[in-house]
Amino acid sequence: MSRKVKIYTLSTCSHCKAAKKFLNDNNIAFDATDVDLLQGAAREAMLNEVIQYNPNRSFPTIVIGDKIIIGFKEKDIREALELS
């Protein structure tokens, strides 16, 4: 199982921290970006990337393969990762 996992987060967001902890606890490799820690053009570019997946720009925005999960929804994340 090698779906690419990308998670857009805010450094201060408890749901974002919970999502990253869940992925770590399940040994899932993921690429995470704390959007609020970016500045200037980098932040602007990352927000534009988030909007492609989640027009509301809410966090966490989790992209697993072709599935997009908004918020920390453990059941949906498990299903997308095919975890039992």
C-alpha atoms as a PDB file:
ATOM      1  CA  MET A   1       0.000   0.000   0.000  1.00  0.00           C
ATOM      2  CA  SER A   2       1.802   3.116  -1.136  1.00  0.00           C
ATOM      3  CA  ARG A   3      -0.662   5.937  -1.512  1.00  0.00           C
ATOM      4  CA  LYS A   4       0.882   9.376  -1.305  1.00  0.00           C
ATOM      5  CA  VAL A   5      -0.336  11.188   1.802  1.00  0.00           C
ATOM      6  CA  LYS A   6      -0.163  14.979   2.016  1.00  0.00           C
ATOM      7  CA  ILE A   7      -1.532  16.926   4.940  1.00  0.00           C
ATOM      8  CA  TYR A   8      -1.979  20.690   5.122  1.00  0.00           C
ATOM      9  CA  THR A   9      -2.072  21.900   8.719  1.00  0.00           C
ATOM     10  CA  LEU A  10      -1.800  24.865  11.044  1.00  0.00           C
ATOM     11  CA  SER A  11       0.853  24.641  13.763  1.00  0.00           C
ATOM     12  CA  THR A  12      -1.649  25.661  16.459  1.00  0.00           C
ATOM     13  CA  CYS A  13      -4.540  23.391  15.381  1.00  0.00           C
ATOM     14  CA  SER A  14      -5.418  20.541  17.762  1.00  0.00           C
ATOM     15  CA  HIS A  15      -7.226  18.568  15.010  1.00  0.00           C
ATOM     16  CA  CYS A  16      -4.140  18.905  12.803  1.00  0.00           C
ATOM     17  CA  LYS A  17      -1.912  17.605  15.611  1.00  0.00           C
ATOM     18  CA  ALA A  18      -4.302  14.689  16.184  1.00  0.00           C
ATOM     19  CA  ALA A  19      -4.254  13.809  12.467  1.00  0.00           C
ATOM     20  CA  LYS A  20      -0.432  13.858  12.330  1.00  0.00           C
ATOM     21  CA  LYS A  21      -0.257  11.770  15.529  1.00  0.00           C
ATOM     22  CA  PHE A  22      -2.676   9.228  14.048  1.00  0.00           C
ATOM     23  CA  LEU A  23      -0.575   8.916  10.870  1.00  0.00           C
ATOM     24  CA  ASN A  24       2.641   8.605  12.892  1.00  0.00           C
ATOM     25  CA  ASP A  25       1.103   6.056  15.282  1.00  0.00           C
ATOM     26  CA  ASN A  26       0.100   3.945  12.265  1.00  0.00           C
ATOM     27  CA  ASN A  27       3.536   4.259  10.616  1.00  0.00           C
ATOM     28  CA  ILE A  28       2.086   6.104   7.614  1.00  0.00           C
ATOM     29  CA  ALA A  29       4.626   8.196   5.719  1.00  0.00           C
ATOM     30  CA  PHE A  30       3.245  11.628   4.944  1.00  0.00           C
ATOM     31  CA  ASP A  31       4.252  15.039   3.726  1.00  0.00           C
ATOM     32  CA  ALA A  32       3.020  17.764   6.106  1.00  0.00           C
ATOM     33  CA  THR A  33       3.011  21.524   5.710  1.00  0.00           C
ATOM     34  CA  ASP A  34       2.186  23.957   8.536  1.00  0.00           C
ATOM     35  CA  VAL A  35       0.715  26.653   6.302  1.00  0.00           C
ATOM     36  CA  ASP A  36       0.676  29.295   9.056  1.00  0.00           C
ATOM     37  CA  LEU A  37       4.462  29.051   9.456  1.00  0.00           C
ATOM     38  CA  LEU A  38       5.075  29.998   5.826  1.00  0.00           C
ATOM     39  CA  GLN A  39       5.461  33.619   4.795  1.00  0.00           C
ATOM     40  CA  GLY A  40       4.903  35.780   1.761  1.00  0.00           C
ATOM     41  CA  ALA A  41       4.845  34.084  -1.638  1.00  0.00           C
ATOM     42  CA  ALA A  42       5.406  30.611  -0.155  1.00  0.00           C
ATOM     43  CA  ARG A  43       2.326  30.970   2.051  1.00  0.00           C
ATOM     44  CA  GLU A  44       0.289  32.373  -0.839  1.00  0.00           C
ATOM     45  CA  ALA A  45       1.317  29.475  -3.109  1.00  0.00           C
ATOM     46  CA  MET A  46       0.492  26.885  -0.426  1.00  0.00           C
ATOM     47  CA  LEU A  47      -2.941  28.430   0.251  1.00  0.00           C
ATOM     48  CA  ASN A  48      -3.647  28.277  -3.486  1.00  0.00           C
ATOM     49  CA  GLU A  49      -2.687  24.594  -3.392  1.00  0.00           C
ATOM     50  CA  VAL A  50      -5.039  23.985  -0.434  1.00  0.00           C
ATOM     51  CA  ILE A  51      -7.899  25.739  -2.293  1.00  0.00           C
ATOM     52  CA  GLN A  52      -7.610  23.175  -5.116  1.00  0.00           C
ATOM     53  CA  TYR A  53      -8.571  20.462  -2.616  1.00  0.00           C
ATOM     54  CA  ASN A  54     -10.620  22.462  -0.148  1.00  0.00           C
ATOM     55  CA  PRO A  55     -12.142  25.792  -1.279  1.00  0.00           C
ATOM     56  CA  ASN A  56     -13.024  26.625   2.357  1.00  0.00           C
ATOM     57  CA  ARG A  57      -9.340  26.507   3.331  1.00  0.00           C
ATOM     58  CA  SER A  58     -10.072  24.720   6.584  1.00  0.00           C
ATOM     59  CA  PHE A  59      -7.549  22.533   8.363  1.00  0.00           C
ATOM     60  CA  PRO A  60      -6.420  19.869   8.393  1.00  0.00           C
ATOM     61  CA  THR A  61      -6.865  19.172   4.706  1.00  0.00           C
ATOM     62  CA  ILE A  62      -5.645  15.629   4.080  1.00  0.00           C
ATOM     63  CA  VAL A  63      -5.010  14.233   0.601  1.00  0.00           C
ATOM     64  CA  ILE A  64      -4.638  10.454   0.364  1.00  0.00           C
ATOM     65  CA  GLY A  65      -4.214   9.283  -3.200  1.00  0.00           C
ATOM     66  CA  ASP A  66      -7.270  10.753  -4.934  1.00  0.00           C
ATOM     67  CA  LYS A  67      -9.318  11.101  -1.723  1.00  0.00           C
ATOM     68  CA  ILE A  68      -9.632  14.408   0.093  1.00  0.00           C
ATOM     69  CA  ILE A  69     -10.525  14.446   3.787  1.00  0.00           C
ATOM     70  CA  ILE A  70     -11.314  17.724   5.511  1.00  0.00           C
ATOM     71  CA  GLY A  71     -10.757  17.652   9.265  1.00  0.00           C
ATOM     72  CA  PHE A  72      -9.535  14.797  11.423  1.00  0.00           C
ATOM     73  CA  LYS A  73     -11.992  12.042  10.554  1.00  0.00           C
ATOM     74  CA  GLU A  74     -10.278   8.878  11.712  1.00  0.00           C
ATOM     75  CA  LYS A  75     -12.836   6.559  10.085  1.00  0.00           C
ATOM     76  CA  ASP A  76     -12.431   8.249   6.677  1.00  0.00           C
ATOM     77  CA  ILE A  77      -8.636   8.268   6.989  1.00  0.00           C
ATOM     78  CA  ARG A  78      -8.618   4.553   7.890  1.00  0.00           C
ATOM     79  CA  GLU A  79     -10.812   3.777   4.872  1.00  0.00           C
ATOM     80  CA  ALA A  80      -8.651   5.833   2.489  1.00  0.00           C
ATOM     81  CA  LEU A  81      -5.523   4.076   3.792  1.00  0.00           C
ATOM     82  CA  GLU A  82      -7.268   0.692   3.876  1.00  0.00           C
ATOM     83  CA  LEU A  83      -6.423   0.245   7.558  1.00  0.00           C
ATOM     84  CA  SER A  84      -8.578  -2.207   9.470  1.00  0.00           C
END
